Amino acid sequence: MGVYGPLEYFLKQRQLSEIPMTFKDVEHVLGRALPQSAYKHRPWWANEAAGHSHAQAWLKAGYETAQVDMAARKLLFRRIAPKTGSPANATPDAGLPEASRNFAPPDTPRRSPLFGALKGTFTIQPGYDLTRPALDPEEWSGTLAAKLSAFDKSRTPR
């Protein structure tokens, strides 16, 4: 599932003709932040599938974006009627229920937004064994005993 797969899945699960959402709602469904261009450029929300995986997600789900308000950071996903391109005739939803905001596709584990934040910040040298204990158990106990005795000596009154 791609980056925008959770949004596609979320929209496919809805039987509404219109789904009002804020940009933060979309981020919550995705489990990650939207790119800065989504906040700065209205064309990011265009219903152009060619080369735009985000637009492909809502179009595959049968929705198009409408009433994108860049200042208020909100938009409306409107259902596209099959083959005609016109919105379906169903009662629009007044808002999303709170339960739908805790959305996760069943086959996608939720990850923290910090996942991968340290990628590329350090390198593990080839041949280094990450499973090797830092110290031998005997060495560790000797080191700990030495530190504790030094600590005890420093705490005794003179």
C-alpha atoms as a PDB file:
ATOM      1  CA  MET A   1       0.000   0.000   0.000  1.00  0.00           C
ATOM      2  CA  GLY A   2       1.434   3.364  -0.983  1.00  0.00           C
ATOM      3  CA  VAL A   3       1.693   6.534   1.064  1.00  0.00           C
ATOM      4  CA  TYR A   4      -1.850   7.595   0.124  1.00  0.00           C
ATOM      5  CA  GLY A   5      -3.337   4.088   0.327  1.00  0.00           C
ATOM      6  CA  PRO A   6      -4.866   4.733   3.773  1.00  0.00           C
ATOM      7  CA  LEU A   7      -6.755   7.734   2.345  1.00  0.00           C
ATOM      8  CA  GLU A   8      -8.059   5.641  -0.553  1.00  0.00           C
ATOM      9  CA  TYR A   9      -9.139   2.903   1.869  1.00  0.00           C
ATOM     10  CA  PHE A  10     -10.762   5.440   4.201  1.00  0.00           C
ATOM     11  CA  LEU A  11     -12.799   7.016   1.399  1.00  0.00           C
ATOM     12  CA  LYS A  12     -13.846   3.649  -0.057  1.00  0.00           C
ATOM     13  CA  GLN A  13     -15.312   2.684   3.320  1.00  0.00           C
ATOM     14  CA  ARG A  14     -17.668   5.679   3.312  1.00  0.00           C
ATOM     15  CA  GLN A  15     -21.132   5.596   1.732  1.00  0.00           C
ATOM     16  CA  LEU A  16     -21.517   9.376   1.741  1.00  0.00           C
ATOM     17  CA  SER A  17     -21.856  11.703  -1.208  1.00  0.00           C
ATOM     18  CA  GLU A  18     -19.742  14.360   0.522  1.00  0.00           C
ATOM     19  CA  ILE A  19     -17.067  14.087   3.185  1.00  0.00           C
ATOM     20  CA  PRO A  20     -15.857  17.368   4.703  1.00  0.00           C
ATOM     21  CA  MET A  21     -12.345  17.159   6.114  1.00  0.00           C
ATOM     22  CA  THR A  22      -9.626  19.441   7.364  1.00  0.00           C
ATOM     23  CA  PHE A  23      -6.035  19.009   6.227  1.00  0.00           C
ATOM     24  CA  LYS A  24      -5.300  17.707   9.741  1.00  0.00           C
ATOM     25  CA  ASP A  25      -8.057  15.079   9.314  1.00  0.00           C
ATOM     26  CA  VAL A  26      -6.357  13.912   6.118  1.00  0.00           C
ATOM     27  CA  GLU A  27      -3.025  13.749   7.939  1.00  0.00           C
ATOM     28  CA  HIS A  28      -4.630  11.720  10.703  1.00  0.00           C
ATOM     29  CA  VAL A  29      -5.998   9.203   8.193  1.00  0.00           C
ATOM     30  CA  LEU A  30      -2.601   8.997   6.467  1.00  0.00           C
ATOM     31  CA  GLY A  31      -0.716   8.676   9.745  1.00  0.00           C
ATOM     32  CA  ARG A  32       1.810  11.226   8.525  1.00  0.00           C
ATOM     33  CA  ALA A  33       2.071  14.910   7.641  1.00  0.00           C
ATOM     34  CA  LEU A  34       1.012  16.224   4.263  1.00  0.00           C
ATOM     35  CA  PRO A  35       3.787  17.756   2.166  1.00  0.00           C
ATOM     36  CA  GLN A  36       4.245  21.517   2.473  1.00  0.00           C
ATOM     37  CA  SER A  37       2.989  21.935  -1.099  1.00  0.00           C
ATOM     38  CA  ALA A  38      -0.451  20.714   0.067  1.00  0.00           C
ATOM     39  CA  TYR A  39      -0.586  23.720   2.400  1.00  0.00           C
ATOM     40  CA  LYS A  40       0.891  26.248  -0.040  1.00  0.00           C
ATOM     41  CA  HIS A  41      -0.377  25.358  -3.524  1.00  0.00           C
ATOM     42  CA  ARG A  42      -4.025  24.902  -4.470  1.00  0.00           C
ATOM     43  CA  PRO A  43      -3.093  22.782  -7.554  1.00  0.00           C
ATOM     44  CA  TRP A  44      -1.856  20.028  -5.207  1.00  0.00           C
ATOM     45  CA  TRP A  45      -5.541  19.291  -4.510  1.00  0.00           C
ATOM     46  CA  ALA A  46      -6.479  19.162  -8.203  1.00  0.00           C
ATOM     47  CA  ASN A  47      -8.242  16.056  -9.494  1.00  0.00           C
ATOM     48  CA  GLU A  48      -5.403  15.246 -11.905  1.00  0.00           C
ATOM     49  CA  ALA A  49      -4.379  11.592 -11.628  1.00  0.00           C
ATOM     50  CA  ALA A  50      -1.481  11.648 -14.106  1.00  0.00           C
ATOM     51  CA  GLY A  51       1.708  11.545 -12.035  1.00  0.00           C
ATOM     52  CA  HIS A  52      -0.012  12.436  -8.739  1.00  0.00           C
ATOM     53  CA  SER A  53      -0.359   9.506  -6.361  1.00  0.00           C
ATOM     54  CA  HIS A  54      -2.366  11.566  -3.866  1.00  0.00           C
ATOM     55  CA  ALA A  55      -5.025  12.447  -6.461  1.00  0.00           C
ATOM     56  CA  GLN A  56      -5.047   8.859  -7.731  1.00  0.00           C
ATOM     57  CA  ALA A  57      -5.967   7.728  -4.201  1.00  0.00           C
ATOM     58  CA  TRP A  58      -9.160   9.774  -3.929  1.00  0.00           C
ATOM     59  CA  LEU A  59     -10.095   9.263  -7.574  1.00  0.00           C
ATOM     60  CA  LYS A  60      -9.714   5.455  -7.258  1.00  0.00           C
ATOM     61  CA  ALA A  61     -11.961   5.629  -4.208  1.00  0.00           C
ATOM     62  CA  GLY A  62     -14.610   7.352  -6.337  1.00  0.00           C
ATOM     63  CA  TYR A  63     -14.214  10.862  -4.942  1.00  0.00           C
ATOM     64  CA  GLU A  64     -13.021  14.206  -6.211  1.00  0.00           C
ATOM     65  CA  THR A  65     -11.907  17.251  -4.258  1.00  0.00           C
ATOM     66  CA  ALA A  66     -14.187  20.275  -4.125  1.00  0.00           C
ATOM     67  CA  GLN A  67     -14.413  23.512  -2.156  1.00  0.00           C
ATOM     68  CA  VAL A  68     -10.747  23.492  -1.191  1.00  0.00           C
ATOM     69  CA  ASP A  69     -10.229  26.365   1.247  1.00  0.00           C
ATOM     70  CA  MET A  70      -6.492  26.947   1.543  1.00  0.00           C
ATOM     71  CA  ALA A  71      -6.849  29.658   4.219  1.00  0.00           C
ATOM     72  CA  ALA A  72      -9.082  27.536   6.481  1.00  0.00           C
ATOM     73  CA  ARG A  73      -7.173  24.367   5.522  1.00  0.00           C
ATOM     74  CA  LYS A  74     -10.256  22.328   4.728  1.00  0.00           C
ATOM     75  CA  LEU A  75     -11.888  20.675   1.743  1.00  0.00           C
ATOM     76  CA  LEU A  76     -14.753  18.510   0.626  1.00  0.00           C
ATOM     77  CA  PHE A  77     -14.426  15.085  -0.968  1.00  0.00           C
ATOM     78  CA  ARG A  78     -17.421  14.653  -3.293  1.00  0.00           C
ATOM     79  CA  ARG A  79     -18.444  11.239  -4.628  1.00  0.00           C
ATOM     80  CA  ILE A  80     -18.233  10.875  -8.387  1.00  0.00           C
ATOM     81  CA  ALA A  81     -21.143   8.997  -9.941  1.00  0.00           C
ATOM     82  CA  PRO A  82     -19.910   6.063 -12.057  1.00  0.00           C
ATOM     83  CA  LYS A  83     -19.182   6.967 -15.704  1.00  0.00           C
ATOM     84  CA  THR A  84     -21.004  10.309 -15.594  1.00  0.00           C
ATOM     85  CA  GLY A  85     -18.559  12.291 -13.477  1.00  0.00           C
ATOM     86  CA  SER A  86     -21.405  13.994 -11.604  1.00  0.00           C
ATOM     87  CA  PRO A  87     -21.796  13.770  -7.834  1.00  0.00           C
ATOM     88  CA  ALA A  88     -23.989  10.985  -6.494  1.00  0.00           C
ATOM     89  CA  ASN A  89     -27.377  11.937  -5.055  1.00  0.00           C
ATOM     90  CA  ALA A  90     -27.047  11.023  -1.406  1.00  0.00           C
ATOM     91  CA  THR A  91     -27.439  13.029   1.751  1.00  0.00           C
ATOM     92  CA  PRO A  92     -24.198  14.823   2.623  1.00  0.00           C
ATOM     93  CA  ASP A  93     -22.689  14.039   5.989  1.00  0.00           C
ATOM     94  CA  ALA A  94     -22.707  16.820   8.572  1.00  0.00           C
ATOM     95  CA  GLY A  95     -19.267  15.694   9.739  1.00  0.00           C
ATOM     96  CA  LEU A  96     -17.211  12.642  10.423  1.00  0.00           C
ATOM     97  CA  PRO A  97     -17.990  10.636  13.548  1.00  0.00           C
ATOM     98  CA  GLU A  98     -15.220  10.563  16.122  1.00  0.00           C
ATOM     99  CA  ALA A  99     -14.738   6.811  15.624  1.00  0.00           C
ATOM    100  CA  SER A 100     -13.782   7.361  11.983  1.00  0.00           C
ATOM    101  CA  ARG A 101     -10.927   9.613  13.033  1.00  0.00           C
ATOM    102  CA  ASN A 102      -9.187   6.636  14.647  1.00  0.00           C
ATOM    103  CA  PHE A 103      -8.854   4.933  11.312  1.00  0.00           C
ATOM    104  CA  ALA A 104      -6.272   2.388  10.225  1.00  0.00           C
ATOM    105  CA  PRO A 105      -6.583  -0.110   7.380  1.00  0.00           C
ATOM    106  CA  PRO A 106      -6.559  -3.610   8.851  1.00  0.00           C
ATOM    107  CA  ASP A 107      -3.422  -4.689   6.987  1.00  0.00           C
ATOM    108  CA  THR A 108      -1.395  -1.550   7.688  1.00  0.00           C
ATOM    109  CA  PRO A 109       0.413  -1.194  11.033  1.00  0.00           C
ATOM    110  CA  ARG A 110       0.254   2.297  12.526  1.00  0.00           C
ATOM    111  CA  ARG A 111       3.641   3.954  12.786  1.00  0.00           C
ATOM    112  CA  SER A 112       4.770   6.905  14.744  1.00  0.00           C
ATOM    113  CA  PRO A 113       5.415  10.064  12.693  1.00  0.00           C
ATOM    114  CA  LEU A 114       8.969   9.809  14.071  1.00  0.00           C
ATOM    115  CA  PHE A 115       9.531   6.458  12.353  1.00  0.00           C
ATOM    116  CA  GLY A 116      12.667   6.845  10.251  1.00  0.00           C
ATOM    117  CA  ALA A 117      13.489  10.290  11.645  1.00  0.00           C
ATOM    118  CA  LEU A 118      17.119   9.310  12.333  1.00  0.00           C
ATOM    119  CA  LYS A 119      17.667   7.629   8.965  1.00  0.00           C
ATOM    120  CA  GLY A 120      21.085   8.537   7.610  1.00  0.00           C
ATOM    121  CA  THR A 121      22.327  10.171  10.818  1.00  0.00           C
ATOM    122  CA  PHE A 122      24.791   7.405  11.704  1.00  0.00           C
ATOM    123  CA  THR A 123      26.563   4.486  10.046  1.00  0.00           C
ATOM    124  CA  ILE A 124      27.274   1.019  11.408  1.00  0.00           C
ATOM    125  CA  GLN A 125      30.706  -0.100  10.306  1.00  0.00           C
ATOM    126  CA  PRO A 126      30.803  -3.237   8.150  1.00  0.00           C
ATOM    127  CA  GLY A 127      31.629  -6.314  10.204  1.00  0.00           C
ATOM    128  CA  TYR A 128      30.403  -4.827  13.489  1.00  0.00           C
ATOM    129  CA  ASP A 129      28.266  -7.373  15.381  1.00  0.00           C
ATOM    130  CA  LEU A 130      25.218  -5.612  16.838  1.00  0.00           C
ATOM    131  CA  THR A 131      24.256  -8.736  18.780  1.00  0.00           C
ATOM    132  CA  ARG A 132      27.550  -8.869  20.714  1.00  0.00           C
ATOM    133  CA  PRO A 133      27.176  -7.711  24.325  1.00  0.00           C
ATOM    134  CA  ALA A 134      28.894  -4.424  25.081  1.00  0.00           C
ATOM    135  CA  LEU A 135      30.838  -6.011  27.943  1.00  0.00           C
ATOM    136  CA  ASP A 136      31.544  -9.532  29.055  1.00  0.00           C
ATOM    137  CA  PRO A 137      29.267 -10.394  32.033  1.00  0.00           C
ATOM    138  CA  GLU A 138      32.319 -10.803  34.308  1.00  0.00           C
ATOM    139  CA  GLU A 139      33.813  -7.556  33.021  1.00  0.00           C
ATOM    140  CA  TRP A 140      30.478  -5.806  33.502  1.00  0.00           C
ATOM    141  CA  SER A 141      30.095  -6.987  37.081  1.00  0.00           C
ATOM    142  CA  GLY A 142      33.703  -5.966  37.854  1.00  0.00           C
ATOM    143  CA  THR A 143      33.148  -2.544  36.327  1.00  0.00           C
ATOM    144  CA  LEU A 144      29.928  -2.082  38.268  1.00  0.00           C
ATOM    145  CA  ALA A 145      31.576  -3.207  41.524  1.00  0.00           C
ATOM    146  CA  ALA A 146      34.445  -0.754  40.969  1.00  0.00           C
ATOM    147  CA  LYS A 147      32.019   2.102  40.308  1.00  0.00           C
ATOM    148  CA  LEU A 148      29.943   1.258  43.369  1.00  0.00           C
ATOM    149  CA  SER A 149      32.993   1.106  45.641  1.00  0.00           C
ATOM    150  CA  ALA A 150      34.229   4.437  44.262  1.00  0.00           C
ATOM    151  CA  PHE A 151      30.779   5.890  44.891  1.00  0.00           C
ATOM    152  CA  ASP A 152      30.709   4.501  48.438  1.00  0.00           C
ATOM    153  CA  LYS A 153      34.170   5.946  49.156  1.00  0.00           C
ATOM    154  CA  SER A 154      33.094   9.367  47.934  1.00  0.00           C
ATOM    155  CA  ARG A 155      30.028   9.333  50.195  1.00  0.00           C
ATOM    156  CA  THR A 156      31.856   8.424  53.405  1.00  0.00           C
ATOM    157  CA  PRO A 157      32.564  11.396  55.647  1.00  0.00           C
ATOM    158  CA  ARG A 158      36.227  12.346  56.123  1.00  0.00           C
END
